[in-house]
Amino acid sequence: AAAPPAAGRPTVGAGDVQRIRRQLADLWEQDDQQGGGPELEKRAVSLADAIDELQRNGSATSRVRGRLYALGAAFTATALWAAVDSRQLDRAQRHLERATHLAGLSGDGQVQHQIWRYASMLAGQREHWPDAVAASEAAMSASAHRRDPLYASLSHARLAVSLPGIGDRARALRALERAESAFESAAPDEWRPASMDF
């Protein structure tokens, strides 16, 4: 079926993006204070679905659409981690697949980095160590890794955690050294998403 003409569709703008970002920050704060679990997972999925609805029915610039995709990926990643907290790893895997798709559409290097880190952690939970290593290396291809030493530090630390699973202790130690070096050169007061507050 053809989409309705843009003139008849509600406009989604920067104000909507800011409102949704505040909801995401609230969700991360809830996770930080109370931990994950089914309730948080359900709320995160519901908010990701609401963003999908905006994408389908709203009129927006390509820049706003990219931000909506990034927010949808971040909400879905939050659902992923809540599912991991509940030990629902199959459900977490389904959230990961959706989050990876949305992050790819967003073009946002920060959210792509987040999703690959979560992919590595989930693979580690399942003891799929080659996948954990590959996801850690994929995080290093995200623009956030190249632009911000704090993201680079996380990439290297995640790789260091994953490498012993495939028996590569020497490379793990080198990755840990790189993580420390990058962390020392990171600017602590640079703006980053709330997911980096930890």
Protein backbone atom coordinates (compact mmCIF):
# COMPACT_ATOMS: atom_id res chain seq x y z
CA ALA A 1 0.00 0.00 0.00
CA ALA A 2 1.21 3.47 -0.76
CA ALA A 3 2.18 5.68 2.17
CA PRO A 4 -0.10 8.65 2.86
CA PRO A 5 1.13 11.97 1.48
CA ALA A 6 3.68 13.72 3.70
CA ALA A 7 1.38 16.75 4.05
CA GLY A 8 -1.14 14.60 5.94
CA ARG A 9 1.43 13.11 8.33
CA PRO A 10 2.48 14.59 11.68
CA THR A 11 5.88 16.25 11.67
CA VAL A 12 8.53 14.75 13.93
CA GLY A 13 11.22 17.22 14.87
CA ALA A 14 14.14 17.95 17.17
CA GLY A 15 11.81 18.60 20.11
CA ASP A 16 10.42 15.08 19.81
CA VAL A 17 13.96 13.69 19.71
CA GLN A 18 14.83 15.58 22.92
CA ARG A 19 11.68 14.32 24.65
CA ILE A 20 12.52 10.72 23.70
CA ARG A 21 16.13 11.17 24.85
CA ARG A 22 14.85 12.21 28.27
CA GLN A 23 12.76 9.03 28.42
CA LEU A 24 15.86 7.02 27.53
CA ALA A 25 17.89 8.75 30.24
CA ASP A 26 15.11 7.96 32.75
CA LEU A 27 15.20 4.32 31.70
CA TRP A 28 18.99 4.14 32.14
CA GLU A 29 18.66 5.75 35.56
CA GLN A 30 16.05 3.15 36.51
CA ASP A 31 18.39 0.40 35.33
CA ASP A 32 21.28 1.93 37.27
CA GLN A 33 19.29 2.21 40.50
CA GLN A 34 17.15 -0.93 40.36
CA GLY A 35 18.80 -3.22 37.84
CA GLY A 36 17.18 -4.80 34.82
CA GLY A 37 14.43 -7.36 34.66
CA PRO A 38 11.15 -8.06 32.89
CA GLU A 39 9.48 -4.74 33.78
CA LEU A 40 12.36 -2.65 32.46
CA GLU A 41 12.64 -4.85 29.38
CA LYS A 42 8.93 -4.45 28.63
CA ARG A 43 9.10 -0.67 29.03
CA ALA A 44 12.16 -0.41 26.77
CA VAL A 45 10.51 -2.53 24.06
CA SER A 46 7.35 -0.43 24.29
CA LEU A 47 9.34 2.78 23.78
CA ALA A 48 11.27 1.27 20.85
CA ASP A 49 7.93 0.26 19.30
CA ALA A 50 6.63 3.82 19.75
CA ILE A 51 9.66 5.11 17.82
CA ASP A 52 8.95 2.60 15.03
CA GLU A 53 5.43 4.01 14.89
CA LEU A 54 6.82 7.54 14.55
CA GLN A 55 9.10 6.36 11.73
CA ARG A 56 6.17 4.82 9.88
CA ASN A 57 3.60 7.56 10.34
CA GLY A 58 5.56 10.76 10.87
CA SER A 59 7.20 13.17 8.47
CA ALA A 60 10.81 13.95 9.39
CA THR A 61 14.09 15.12 7.90
CA SER A 62 16.73 12.48 7.24
CA ARG A 63 18.73 13.83 10.20
CA VAL A 64 15.80 13.40 12.58
CA ARG A 65 15.12 9.94 11.16
CA GLY A 66 18.72 8.95 11.86
CA ARG A 67 18.36 10.12 15.46
CA LEU A 68 15.12 8.18 15.83
CA TYR A 69 16.83 5.02 14.56
CA ALA A 70 19.64 5.58 17.07
CA LEU A 71 17.14 6.02 19.91
CA GLY A 72 15.23 2.92 18.82
CA ALA A 73 18.49 0.98 18.86
CA ALA A 74 19.37 2.34 22.32
CA PHE A 75 15.96 1.41 23.77
CA THR A 76 16.25 -2.05 22.25
CA ALA A 77 19.76 -2.42 23.67
CA THR A 78 18.35 -1.52 27.08
CA ALA A 79 15.76 -4.27 26.65
CA LEU A 80 18.60 -6.61 25.68
CA TRP A 81 20.50 -5.91 28.88
CA ALA A 82 17.35 -6.21 31.00
CA ALA A 83 16.77 -9.64 29.44
CA VAL A 84 20.36 -10.62 30.25
CA ASP A 85 19.74 -9.58 33.87
CA SER A 86 16.77 -11.98 33.88
CA ARG A 87 18.93 -14.72 32.30
CA GLN A 88 16.65 -14.72 29.24
CA LEU A 89 19.50 -15.04 26.78
CA ASP A 90 17.42 -16.15 23.79
CA ARG A 91 15.19 -13.13 24.18
CA ALA A 92 18.27 -10.95 24.60
CA GLN A 93 19.60 -12.35 21.31
CA ARG A 94 16.40 -11.31 19.52
CA HIS A 95 16.71 -7.80 20.96
CA LEU A 96 20.34 -7.72 19.78
CA GLU A 97 19.33 -8.54 16.21
CA ARG A 98 16.78 -5.72 16.19
CA ALA A 99 19.18 -3.26 17.86
CA THR A 100 21.95 -4.07 15.37
CA HIS A 101 19.59 -3.42 12.45
CA LEU A 102 18.41 -0.08 13.89
CA ALA A 103 21.95 1.02 14.79
CA GLY A 104 23.08 0.31 11.23
CA LEU A 105 20.26 2.46 9.85
CA SER A 106 21.06 5.28 12.27
CA GLY A 107 24.63 5.95 11.11
CA ASP A 108 25.33 6.95 14.74
CA GLY A 109 28.82 5.82 15.78
CA GLN A 110 28.09 6.06 19.51
CA VAL A 111 25.05 3.80 19.43
CA GLN A 112 26.78 1.40 17.04
CA HIS A 113 29.66 1.15 19.52
CA GLN A 114 27.18 0.48 22.34
CA ILE A 115 25.41 -2.28 20.41
CA TRP A 116 28.67 -4.06 19.50
CA ARG A 117 29.80 -3.89 23.14
CA TYR A 118 26.51 -5.41 24.22
CA ALA A 119 26.86 -8.04 21.50
CA SER A 120 30.27 -8.96 22.89
CA MET A 121 28.93 -9.14 26.45
CA LEU A 122 25.99 -11.30 25.38
CA ALA A 123 28.28 -13.65 23.46
CA GLY A 124 30.47 -13.88 26.55
CA GLN A 125 27.43 -14.75 28.68
CA ARG A 126 26.75 -17.59 26.26
CA GLU A 127 30.42 -18.57 26.19
CA HIS A 128 30.58 -18.00 22.44
CA TRP A 129 34.06 -16.53 22.72
CA PRO A 130 34.92 -16.16 19.00
CA ASP A 131 31.70 -14.12 18.60
CA ALA A 132 32.60 -12.05 21.67
CA VAL A 133 36.01 -11.25 20.16
CA ALA A 134 34.51 -10.42 16.76
CA ALA A 135 31.92 -8.09 18.31
CA SER A 136 34.63 -6.34 20.35
CA GLU A 137 36.63 -5.83 17.16
CA ALA A 138 33.51 -4.55 15.37
CA ALA A 139 33.11 -1.92 18.11
CA MET A 140 36.57 -0.68 17.13
CA SER A 141 35.29 0.04 13.62
CA ALA A 142 32.64 2.44 14.95
CA SER A 143 33.48 6.12 14.54
CA ALA A 144 33.09 6.67 18.31
CA HIS A 145 36.09 4.39 18.93
CA ARG A 146 38.26 6.52 16.64
CA ARG A 147 37.01 9.91 17.88
CA ASP A 148 36.76 9.47 21.64
CA PRO A 149 39.42 7.78 23.79
CA LEU A 150 36.80 6.80 26.38
CA TYR A 151 34.99 4.69 23.77
CA ALA A 152 38.35 3.31 22.64
CA SER A 153 39.13 2.37 26.23
CA LEU A 154 35.86 0.43 26.45
CA SER A 155 36.53 -1.32 23.13
CA HIS A 156 39.96 -2.48 24.24
CA ALA A 157 38.71 -3.51 27.70
CA ARG A 158 35.88 -5.54 26.19
CA LEU A 159 38.37 -7.23 23.85
CA ALA A 160 40.66 -7.96 26.81
CA VAL A 161 37.78 -9.71 28.60
CA SER A 162 36.90 -11.78 25.51
CA LEU A 163 40.33 -12.94 24.33
CA PRO A 164 41.12 -15.39 27.17
CA GLY A 165 38.05 -17.36 26.05
CA ILE A 166 39.89 -18.25 22.84
CA GLY A 167 43.17 -18.79 24.68
CA ASP A 168 44.93 -15.58 23.63
CA ARG A 169 46.20 -14.29 26.98
CA ALA A 170 49.10 -12.27 25.54
CA ARG A 171 46.83 -10.28 23.24
CA ALA A 172 44.39 -9.78 26.12
CA LEU A 173 47.14 -8.17 28.20
CA ARG A 174 48.07 -5.87 25.30
CA ALA A 175 44.40 -4.90 24.91
CA LEU A 176 44.21 -4.12 28.62
CA GLU A 177 47.26 -1.86 28.33
CA ARG A 178 45.65 -0.05 25.39
CA ALA A 179 42.43 0.34 27.41
CA GLU A 180 44.35 1.95 30.27
CA SER A 181 46.28 4.26 27.95
CA ALA A 182 43.12 5.39 26.13
CA PHE A 183 41.29 5.93 29.43
CA GLU A 184 44.07 8.19 30.68
CA SER A 185 43.76 10.42 27.62
CA ALA A 186 39.94 10.69 27.67
CA ALA A 187 38.34 14.06 28.44
CA PRO A 188 36.10 13.41 31.46
CA ASP A 189 33.71 16.36 30.95
CA GLU A 190 33.04 15.85 27.23
CA TRP A 191 29.33 15.34 26.45
CA ARG A 192 28.37 11.70 26.03
CA PRO A 193 25.05 9.82 26.16
CA ALA A 194 23.69 8.86 29.57
CA SER A 195 24.60 5.24 28.83
CA MET A 196 28.23 6.25 29.37
CA ASP A 197 27.69 7.74 32.83
CA PHE A 198 28.86 4.55 34.54
